[in-house]
Structures are given as structure tokens and as C-alpha cells.
Protein backbone atom coordinates (compact mmCIF):
# COMPACT_ATOMS: atom_id res chain seq x y z
CA ILE A 1 15.28 19.00 18.40
CA THR A 2 12.90 19.14 16.68
CA TYR A 3 9.45 17.57 18.40
CA TYR A 4 6.38 16.59 16.07
CA LEU A 5 3.58 16.30 18.00
CA THR A 6 0.09 14.13 17.08
CA MET A 7 -2.19 15.32 19.81
CA TYR A 8 -6.13 13.38 20.38
CA SER A 9 -8.91 14.40 22.59
CA ILE A 10 -10.86 11.68 24.71
CA THR A 11 -13.88 12.30 22.03
CA GLN A 12 -11.70 11.35 19.16
CA MET A 13 -9.98 8.34 21.41
CA GLN A 14 -13.39 6.92 21.53
CA ASN A 15 -13.93 6.99 17.76
CA ALA A 16 -12.76 4.80 14.83
CA THR A 17 -9.10 4.37 14.16
CA LYS A 18 -10.09 5.92 10.23
CA GLN A 19 -12.45 8.91 11.78
CA CYS A 20 -9.64 10.21 14.22
CA LYS A 21 -8.63 13.57 13.66
CA SER A 22 -5.68 14.58 15.08
CA ILE A 23 -3.60 18.06 15.75
CA ASN A 24 -0.35 18.34 14.81
CA PRO A 25 1.90 21.45 15.93
CA PHE A 26 5.51 20.82 16.36
CA LEU A 27 8.23 22.45 18.61
CA VAL A 28 12.04 23.28 18.50
CA LEU A 29 13.95 23.41 21.91
CA SER A 30 17.36 23.38 23.43
CA PRO A 31 18.49 19.48 24.19
CA GLU A 32 19.66 21.30 27.48
CA LEU A 33 16.23 22.39 28.67
CA LYS A 34 15.08 20.44 31.88
CA PHE A 35 12.85 18.15 31.83
CA ASP A 36 10.01 20.13 33.80
CA THR A 37 10.49 22.80 30.89
CA ILE A 38 9.67 20.67 28.68
CA LYS A 39 6.70 19.41 30.26
CA ALA A 40 5.46 23.48 30.60
CA GLN A 41 6.30 23.51 26.64
CA ILE A 42 4.15 20.62 25.90
CA LEU A 43 1.37 21.31 28.26
CA GLU A 44 1.22 24.82 26.19
CA LYS A 45 0.44 23.16 22.83
CA ILE A 46 -2.22 20.76 24.78
CA SER A 47 -4.00 24.07 26.04
CA GLU A 48 -3.78 26.07 22.38
CA GLY A 49 -4.74 22.74 20.91
CA LEU A 50 -7.40 21.07 23.12
CA LYS A 51 -8.48 23.66 25.23
CA PRO A 52 -8.56 21.54 28.39
CA LYS A 53 -10.30 23.37 32.00
CA THR A 54 -7.91 21.29 33.57
CA ILE A 55 -4.56 20.49 32.52
CA SER A 56 -1.77 18.45 34.44
CA PHE A 57 0.63 15.82 32.43
CA GLU A 58 -0.75 12.81 34.58
CA HIS A 59 -3.70 13.18 32.46
CA TYR A 60 -2.16 12.53 29.14
CA SER A 61 -0.33 9.40 27.63
CA VAL A 62 3.17 10.76 25.78
CA PRO A 63 4.91 8.19 24.46
CA TRP A 64 7.48 9.05 21.55
CA THR A 65 9.76 7.52 19.00
CA ILE A 66 12.12 8.32 16.36
CA PRO A 67 12.53 7.01 13.02
CA ARG A 68 14.91 5.12 11.97
CA THR A 69 16.48 4.83 15.44
CA GLN A 70 13.31 3.84 17.67
CA ALA A 71 10.42 2.15 16.23
CA SER A 72 8.76 0.86 19.29
CA SER A 73 7.26 3.74 21.40
CA MET A 74 8.89 5.15 24.95
CA PRO A 75 6.81 6.65 27.92
CA LEU A 76 8.16 10.45 28.56
CA CYS A 77 7.00 10.30 32.60
CA SER A 78 10.79 10.34 34.01
CA PRO A 79 14.04 12.76 33.57
CA THR A 80 15.30 9.26 33.21
CA ASP A 81 13.24 9.41 30.30
CA TYR A 82 14.15 12.43 28.72
CA LYS A 83 17.73 11.79 30.10
CA PHE A 84 17.11 8.64 27.13
CA LEU A 85 15.56 10.35 24.45
CA LEU A 86 18.20 13.34 24.51
CA HIS A 87 20.82 10.57 24.38
CA LEU A 88 19.18 8.98 20.95
CA ALA A 89 18.22 11.97 19.41
CA SER A 90 21.67 13.38 19.65
CA LYS A 91 22.90 10.51 17.56
CA GLN A 92 21.11 12.07 14.23
CA LYS A 93 22.16 14.68 12.09
CA THR A 94 19.06 16.83 12.76
CA PRO A 95 17.42 15.62 15.50
CA SER A 96 13.76 15.02 15.46
CA LEU A 97 11.60 12.92 16.36
CA ASN A 98 8.02 12.08 17.05
CA LEU A 99 5.37 12.39 19.98
CA LEU A 100 1.74 10.66 20.43
CA ILE A 101 -0.45 12.41 22.89
CA LYS A 102 -3.99 11.17 23.63
CA ALA A 103 -5.88 12.33 26.99
CA ARG A 104 -6.40 9.23 29.70
CA LEU A 105 -9.71 8.10 30.24
CA LEU A 106 -10.66 9.74 34.02
CA LYS A 107 -12.15 6.74 36.33
CA ASN A 108 -13.89 9.84 38.58
CA ASN A 109 -17.14 11.85 37.17
CA LYS A 110 -15.64 14.95 38.02
CA ASN A 111 -12.46 14.46 35.44
CA SER A 112 -14.35 12.43 32.76
CA GLU A 113 -16.94 15.66 32.87
CA ASP A 114 -13.68 18.03 32.41
CA SER A 115 -12.14 15.94 29.79
CA ASP A 116 -15.65 15.78 27.94
CA GLU A 117 -15.54 19.22 27.98
CA GLU A 118 -12.06 19.28 26.81
CA SER A 119 -12.50 17.52 23.87
CA ARG A 120 -15.76 19.36 23.02
CA ASP A 121 -13.81 23.09 23.00
CA SER A 122 -11.10 20.99 20.90
CA GLU A 123 -13.80 20.22 18.50
CA SER A 124 -15.80 23.32 18.22
CA GLY A 125 -13.37 26.29 18.04
CA ASN A 126 -14.92 29.57 18.02
CA SER A 127 -18.08 28.54 19.48
CA ASP A 128 -20.20 30.91 21.95
CA SER A 129 -19.80 29.61 25.54
CA GLY A 130 -21.43 32.72 26.80
CA ASN A 131 -24.73 31.20 25.30
CA GLU A 132 -24.15 27.57 26.00
CA ASP A 133 -23.76 28.96 29.70
CA GLU A 134 -27.74 29.89 30.06
CA ARG A 135 -29.07 27.00 28.48
CA PRO A 136 -30.01 23.97 30.59
CA LYS A 137 -28.05 21.31 30.57
CA LYS A 138 -29.47 17.71 29.03
CA LYS A 139 -27.82 14.63 30.19
CA SER A 140 -26.71 13.01 26.74
CA LYS A 141 -27.26 9.32 26.22
CA VAL A 142 -24.71 7.60 24.69
CA LYS A 143 -25.18 4.90 22.59
CA LYS A 144 -22.70 2.00 23.24
CA HIS A 145 -20.92 0.66 20.41
CA LYS A 146 -19.74 -2.87 20.37
CA SER A 147 -16.28 -4.15 20.76
CA MET A 148 -15.44 -5.83 18.00
CA ILE A 149 -14.39 -9.25 19.65
CA LYS A 150 -10.26 -10.05 19.49
CA THR A 151 -8.27 -13.02 18.85
CA VAL A 152 -5.04 -14.25 18.85
CA LEU A 153 -4.76 -13.19 14.99
CA ASN A 154 -6.02 -9.59 15.20
CA VAL A 155 -4.10 -9.25 18.12
CA LYS A 156 -1.06 -9.95 16.66
CA ILE A 157 -1.47 -7.89 13.57
CA ASN A 158 -2.23 -5.04 14.94
CA SER A 159 0.62 -4.84 16.85
CA LYS A 160 3.13 -5.39 13.90
CA ILE A 161 0.53 -2.91 11.88
CA GLN A 162 1.46 -0.37 15.27
CA LEU A 163 5.13 -1.31 14.80
CA LEU A 164 5.01 -0.42 10.84
CA GLN A 165 3.24 2.96 11.87
CA ASN A 166 6.11 3.82 14.36
CA CYS A 167 8.85 2.57 12.50
CA TRP A 168 7.52 4.54 9.22
CA MET A 169 6.26 7.30 10.36
CA CYS A 170 7.34 10.95 8.49
CA SER A 171 8.61 13.53 10.04
CA LYS A 172 9.14 16.52 7.23
CA VAL A 173 6.85 19.61 7.29
CA GLY A 174 3.80 19.77 4.82
CA CYS A 175 3.90 16.17 3.78
CA SER A 176 0.75 14.74 2.36
CA SER A 177 0.84 11.60 4.53
CA ASP A 178 1.64 10.76 7.77
CA HIS A 179 3.54 8.10 6.90
CA PHE A 180 6.10 6.99 3.97
CA PHE A 181 8.30 4.10 2.88
CA VAL A 182 11.74 5.08 2.33
CA HIS A 183 14.07 2.64 -0.12
CA PRO A 184 17.41 2.07 0.89
CA GLU A 185 18.89 3.16 -2.42
CA HIS A 186 16.20 5.57 -3.68
CA SER A 187 15.40 8.86 -1.86
CA ASP A 188 11.86 9.33 -3.43
CA HIS A 189 9.05 8.58 -0.50
CA PHE A 190 6.04 5.54 -1.10
CA PRO A 191 3.08 6.95 1.00
CA LEU A 192 1.81 4.33 2.95
CA GLY A 193 -1.93 3.95 3.67
CA HIS A 194 -3.84 1.54 5.94
CA GLU A 195 -4.13 -0.73 3.26
CA HIS A 196 -0.72 -1.34 2.61
CA PHE A 197 -0.18 -1.53 6.66
CA ALA A 198 -2.90 -4.74 6.74
CA VAL A 199 -0.93 -6.25 3.65
CA TRP A 200 2.15 -6.09 4.69
CA ALA A 201 1.53 -7.07 8.73
CA ALA A 202 -0.08 -9.96 7.55
CA ALA A 203 2.69 -11.00 5.36
CA TRP A 204 5.07 -11.05 8.36
CA ASN A 205 2.76 -12.67 11.08
CA LYS A 206 2.72 -15.00 8.30
CA ASP A 207 6.64 -15.81 7.77
CA ASP A 208 9.30 -13.44 8.44
CA SER A 209 11.04 -14.85 5.15
CA LEU A 210 7.72 -13.14 3.18
CA ALA A 211 8.14 -9.47 4.72
CA ASN A 212 9.87 -8.11 8.28
CA LEU A 213 9.67 -4.29 9.53
CA GLU A 214 12.06 -3.12 7.13
CA THR A 215 10.71 -5.53 3.47
CA PRO A 216 7.64 -4.88 2.38
CA PRO A 217 5.75 -8.04 0.75
CA ASN A 218 5.98 -9.51 -2.41
CA HIS A 219 2.16 -7.97 -3.38
CA HIS A 220 1.10 -5.50 -6.55
CA LYS A 221 0.04 -2.83 -3.70
CA PHE A 222 3.67 -2.32 -3.00
CA ASN A 223 4.52 -2.24 -7.00
CA MET A 224 5.49 1.41 -7.38
CA ILE A 225 7.93 1.47 -4.73
CA PRO A 226 11.03 3.04 -6.51
CA GLY A 227 13.99 0.50 -6.97
CA HIS A 228 11.35 -2.46 -5.57
CA GLN A 229 10.87 -5.60 -8.05
CA LEU A 230 9.02 -8.65 -7.46
CA ASP A 231 10.93 -11.54 -6.37
CA GLU A 232 8.38 -13.71 -7.70
CA LEU A 233 5.44 -14.17 -10.99
CA SER A 234 2.51 -14.22 -10.90
CA PRO A 235 0.30 -17.48 -10.66
CA LEU A 236 -0.97 -16.81 -14.51
CA LEU A 237 2.52 -15.94 -15.56
CA GLN A 238 3.75 -19.01 -13.76
CA HIS A 239 1.22 -21.55 -15.98
CA ARG A 240 1.75 -19.56 -18.92
CA LEU A 241 5.16 -20.45 -18.63
CA ALA A 242 4.87 -23.73 -17.38
CA ASN A 243 2.85 -24.51 -20.93
CA HIS A 244 5.09 -22.85 -22.83
CA ASN A 245 8.35 -24.95 -21.97
CA GLN A 246 6.33 -28.39 -22.36
CA PRO A 247 7.06 -30.05 -25.27
CA THR A 248 4.06 -29.90 -28.26
CA ALA A 249 5.48 -31.91 -30.95
CA GLY A 250 5.16 -35.54 -30.83
CA ASN A 251 4.00 -35.59 -27.41
CA SER A 252 -0.05 -34.38 -28.05
CA THR A 253 -2.16 -35.88 -25.89
CA ALA A 254 -4.90 -35.54 -28.31
CA PRO A 255 -6.88 -38.49 -29.80
CA VAL A 256 -5.74 -39.23 -33.11
CA PHE A 257 -8.54 -41.32 -35.95
CA ASN A 258 -7.41 -43.21 -38.61
CA PHE A 259 -10.38 -44.08 -41.45
CA ASN A 260 -9.34 -46.55 -44.19
CA ILE A 261 -11.89 -45.54 -47.83
CA PRO A 262 -11.59 -47.78 -50.82
CA PRO A 263 -10.60 -45.62 -54.37
CA GLU A 264 -13.87 -47.29 -55.73
CA LEU A 265 -15.61 -45.48 -53.28
CA LEU A 266 -13.62 -42.19 -53.90
CA ASN A 267 -14.20 -42.66 -57.44
CA VAL A 268 -18.39 -41.99 -57.31
CA PHE A 269 -17.64 -38.38 -55.88
CA ARG A 270 -15.13 -37.55 -58.28
CA PRO A 271 -15.80 -35.96 -61.33
CA THR A 272 -15.02 -37.25 -64.58
CA ASN A 273 -14.42 -34.38 -66.87
CA VAL A 274 -13.04 -31.98 -64.37
CA GLN A 275 -9.11 -32.19 -64.87
CA PRO A 276 -7.26 -32.60 -61.25
CA THR A 277 -5.64 -28.78 -59.78
CA GLU A 278 -3.03 -28.78 -57.83
CA GLU A 279 -4.72 -28.69 -53.40
CA CYS A 280 -3.48 -25.02 -52.29
CA ALA A 281 -3.35 -24.46 -48.72
CA PRO A 282 -5.53 -21.76 -47.73
CA PRO A 283 -3.81 -18.77 -46.82
CA THR A 284 -2.91 -18.25 -43.00
CA MET A 285 -4.66 -16.04 -41.39
CA GLN A 286 -3.68 -13.96 -38.09
CA ASP A 287 -5.37 -15.52 -34.86
CA GLN A 288 -7.00 -12.10 -33.32
CA HIS A 289 -6.65 -13.93 -29.86
CA PHE A 290 -3.06 -12.96 -29.22
CA LEU A 291 -1.52 -9.79 -28.31
CA PHE A 292 2.09 -11.50 -29.88
CA GLN A 293 1.21 -14.39 -32.75
CA PRO A 294 2.84 -17.83 -32.16
CA GLY A 295 5.88 -19.30 -33.80
CA SER A 296 6.80 -15.43 -34.28
CA HIS A 297 10.42 -14.38 -34.32
CA HIS A 298 11.48 -12.70 -30.81
CA GLY A 299 13.34 -9.24 -30.69
CA PRO A 300 16.04 -8.08 -27.93
CA ASP A 301 15.14 -9.29 -24.41
CA LEU A 302 13.75 -5.41 -22.72
CA SER A 303 12.60 -4.76 -19.15
CA LEU A 304 8.44 -2.96 -19.17
CA ASP A 305 9.78 0.63 -18.55
CA ASP A 306 12.30 0.24 -21.89
CA PHE A 307 10.39 -1.89 -24.10
CA CYS A 308 7.23 0.81 -22.99
CA THR A 309 9.75 3.79 -23.96
CA LEU A 310 10.77 2.45 -27.15
CA TYR A 311 8.07 1.69 -28.45
CA LYS A 312 6.12 5.12 -27.48
CA LEU A 313 3.38 3.68 -25.22
CA SER A 314 1.12 5.45 -22.98
CA ASP A 315 2.19 5.89 -19.00
CA GLY A 316 -1.51 3.93 -18.83
CA ILE A 317 -0.55 0.98 -20.69
CA ARG A 318 3.09 0.85 -18.41
CA THR A 319 1.09 1.29 -15.39
CA ARG A 320 -1.67 -1.08 -15.77
CA LEU A 321 0.85 -3.65 -17.25
CA HIS A 322 3.01 -2.96 -13.37
CA GLU A 323 -0.01 -3.40 -11.49
CA ASN A 324 -0.56 -6.85 -12.83
CA SER A 325 2.80 -7.82 -12.31
CA TYR A 326 4.29 -8.14 -16.20
CA ILE A 327 8.24 -7.38 -15.79
CA SER A 328 9.71 -7.52 -19.36
CA VAL A 329 8.51 -7.47 -22.93
CA GLU A 330 9.11 -11.93 -23.00
CA THR A 331 6.10 -12.33 -20.49
CA LEU A 332 3.88 -9.64 -22.70
CA THR A 333 4.29 -12.90 -25.31
CA PHE A 334 1.97 -14.79 -23.01
CA ILE A 335 -0.80 -12.72 -23.29
CA VAL A 336 -4.12 -12.71 -25.25
CA VAL A 337 -6.62 -10.03 -25.63
CA PRO A 338 -9.02 -10.86 -23.75
CA GLU A 339 -6.90 -10.41 -20.77
CA LEU A 340 -5.72 -6.75 -21.65
CA ARG A 341 -9.55 -6.34 -21.55
CA GLU A 342 -10.30 -7.51 -18.36
CA MET A 343 -7.35 -5.24 -17.05
CA GLY A 344 -9.01 -2.49 -18.60
CA PHE A 345 -7.49 -1.85 -21.63
CA LYS A 346 -9.40 0.62 -24.63
CA PHE A 347 -9.52 -0.48 -27.54
CA GLY A 348 -6.84 2.30 -28.98
CA GLU A 349 -4.86 0.68 -26.42
CA ILE A 350 -4.99 -2.67 -26.77
CA ALA A 351 -4.03 -1.78 -30.63
CA ALA A 352 -0.84 -0.09 -29.83
CA MET A 353 0.50 -2.91 -27.82
CA LYS A 354 -0.43 -5.28 -30.99
CA ALA A 355 1.85 -2.62 -33.19
CA ALA A 356 4.05 -2.69 -30.35
CA MET A 357 4.72 -6.53 -30.26
CA ARG A 358 4.99 -6.65 -33.78
CA HIS A 359 7.25 -4.20 -34.56
CA TRP A 360 9.42 -5.90 -31.71
CA GLY A 361 9.46 -8.98 -32.91
CA GLN A 362 10.41 -7.57 -36.75
């Protein structure tokens, strides 16, 4: 069984969550070993990574999780806990689990001093201990940080973030991130950060139909997940589609003014020697405000990826359109040029979009 360890010293535990630095060794042990042997192996890794002066298994909390099998953390304190761990780990093809090792805050002063020295030793690395003994020790003033006010909403969201982190923890060695989302029908890993977990937990806390432990929310931060499709259009697209579907002929709400002018009054302004010519309608000019001219012929129904590939649009154009929730070529017909500029499109990219839409409509 492969054990992936994540170890934190007391000093790191007192820092903010984003500033905590962990030590991540691993162990490969036989399931036939006894619980005391497992404890000894874990204590050896703690001694190598955190370098405490005194070490005891009771000085650390060691919860464990198994991805896809045991999402919530379970304690590892007794042979019974170890037996339950082996029972769940044996169900995997390649047994592996995660151990989160955190130093406990001890009450007596002597142990707390040892714990402070333990964390200082683990962070200083190769510092000269002999010179430190010769110097007189000064009492350091520790600034007390104001604790964040915990509301009921914060507690619920933080608990859901912890569940999500335990569920989607990556067990592969050498990954760029500690947490990944894997779509059931795709093997590609989508890295998850704190912002992803915060959005996911907030949507899950609001309504289980919006998100749950296995399904991410309908949010633009999850647009690049392989195989993930948004269930709803953005409010901007819904407004555009609603305006497009409304009948325009004969139902205009604009005011109409009628004027009756006598012919005698019109003859005053009509020249006598000039022969009347046929009135010619001014040439129609395309409105440069629109990306796709209204009334033009619509081409085939294509997805956004197929449209970008067919008309050789760049990956930057494809990514910006995905980030703004455009999913098909039909939704592109409602875009206007100022909206492209707001999305960050350059002049050349806007010209490429116009050319692609013109060829699509021919």
C-alpha cells in the first residue's frame, strides 16, 4: 500500500491556509505489517521531515482518506482504525491513501517549547546549532493576530471545502497541484485551486441541485473541464435570444407621426425647369456595429469548437469565447463589436471573427 504523507509543523499550522508549507514524503508498506510497525514508520518520516527533539505518536493527529472510497477523513489512533483502513484500501486495484499529519498544540510549557524548536529546526534546515547554543536566548514577542469572526455560513462553507479537498485529492506523485477534478467519461485531470473550491462550496451550500460532492457548479471557472457543458446560458445570451425571438413587424412600440401638407405648399419648393427624376434609394451600407449583419443567411449549425476549427480561428479566440459561455455558432450571431472589445479581442482577432461569420453565412 502506498501512503502519501502531508506533514505540517506547529509554526506552519499557525499561518494562514495559503501560506502553510507542507512536507510530502511517501511510504510503500506491506498490508501484513502490524499497527505498531506502521506507527514506527510514520514516526521515522516525521523525524526526518520535522526534526522534533522529542517525538511521540500522540503529539500528532493522523487522519486518513482514500480518493473515491473514503472522502471524509478518518482517525488512525488504534489497531481497529488500522484494520478498517486496510479493509477499504484492499478494494482498490492499486491501493493508496493520503495521511494528513498535523502537530498538536500541547498545553504544558515544556512541550510547547519543544514543539516551537521542532518547527524552527524543520524550517531552518542546515542551520548551525552550535552557534545558537552560545548565544543568549531572548524572549520573542509573539503578535496575537485577530481571529476571523466565524459565522454560521462560514462554518458551513469551510466544512464543504474540506470535504471537496478530501474527495478530489490527487494521489499521483509529481502532479503540479494537490487537487484535481476527473470527469467520469474523460481521463484528463483538471487542477483545482482555492478559488474553485470556494465557488463550488458556495453553490453546494446554496442548493444541492446547483452542485454536490461529485458535480461542479455551472460557473465559468469550470468551463475548461473536459466533457463539461454548461446547463444554462449566460444572462447576456438569454437577453439577446429573447429580443431575437420577439416579433418585430407590426408590433413596434415606437410613436408614429402623420403630417398632411397641401400640394400648393410643396410646389413652392419644387423647381420648374428641372425634370423630375426617379428617386433612387441610397445604397445600403453594412452596420459596422454588428459582427453578423441582421437579415443575413445563416449557415450550418456548428458547435463553437467545430466553427473555430473550420474557419481556422486562433486558440486565443476560442478560449475567450469559452470563458464567456458561448457554446455554438448561433449564439455568436448576437455579438456586437463593442462586446468583443470588452472581452479583450484585438483588432486582428475582430477582423478574423467578421471574416469567419461572413463565410459561414454565405
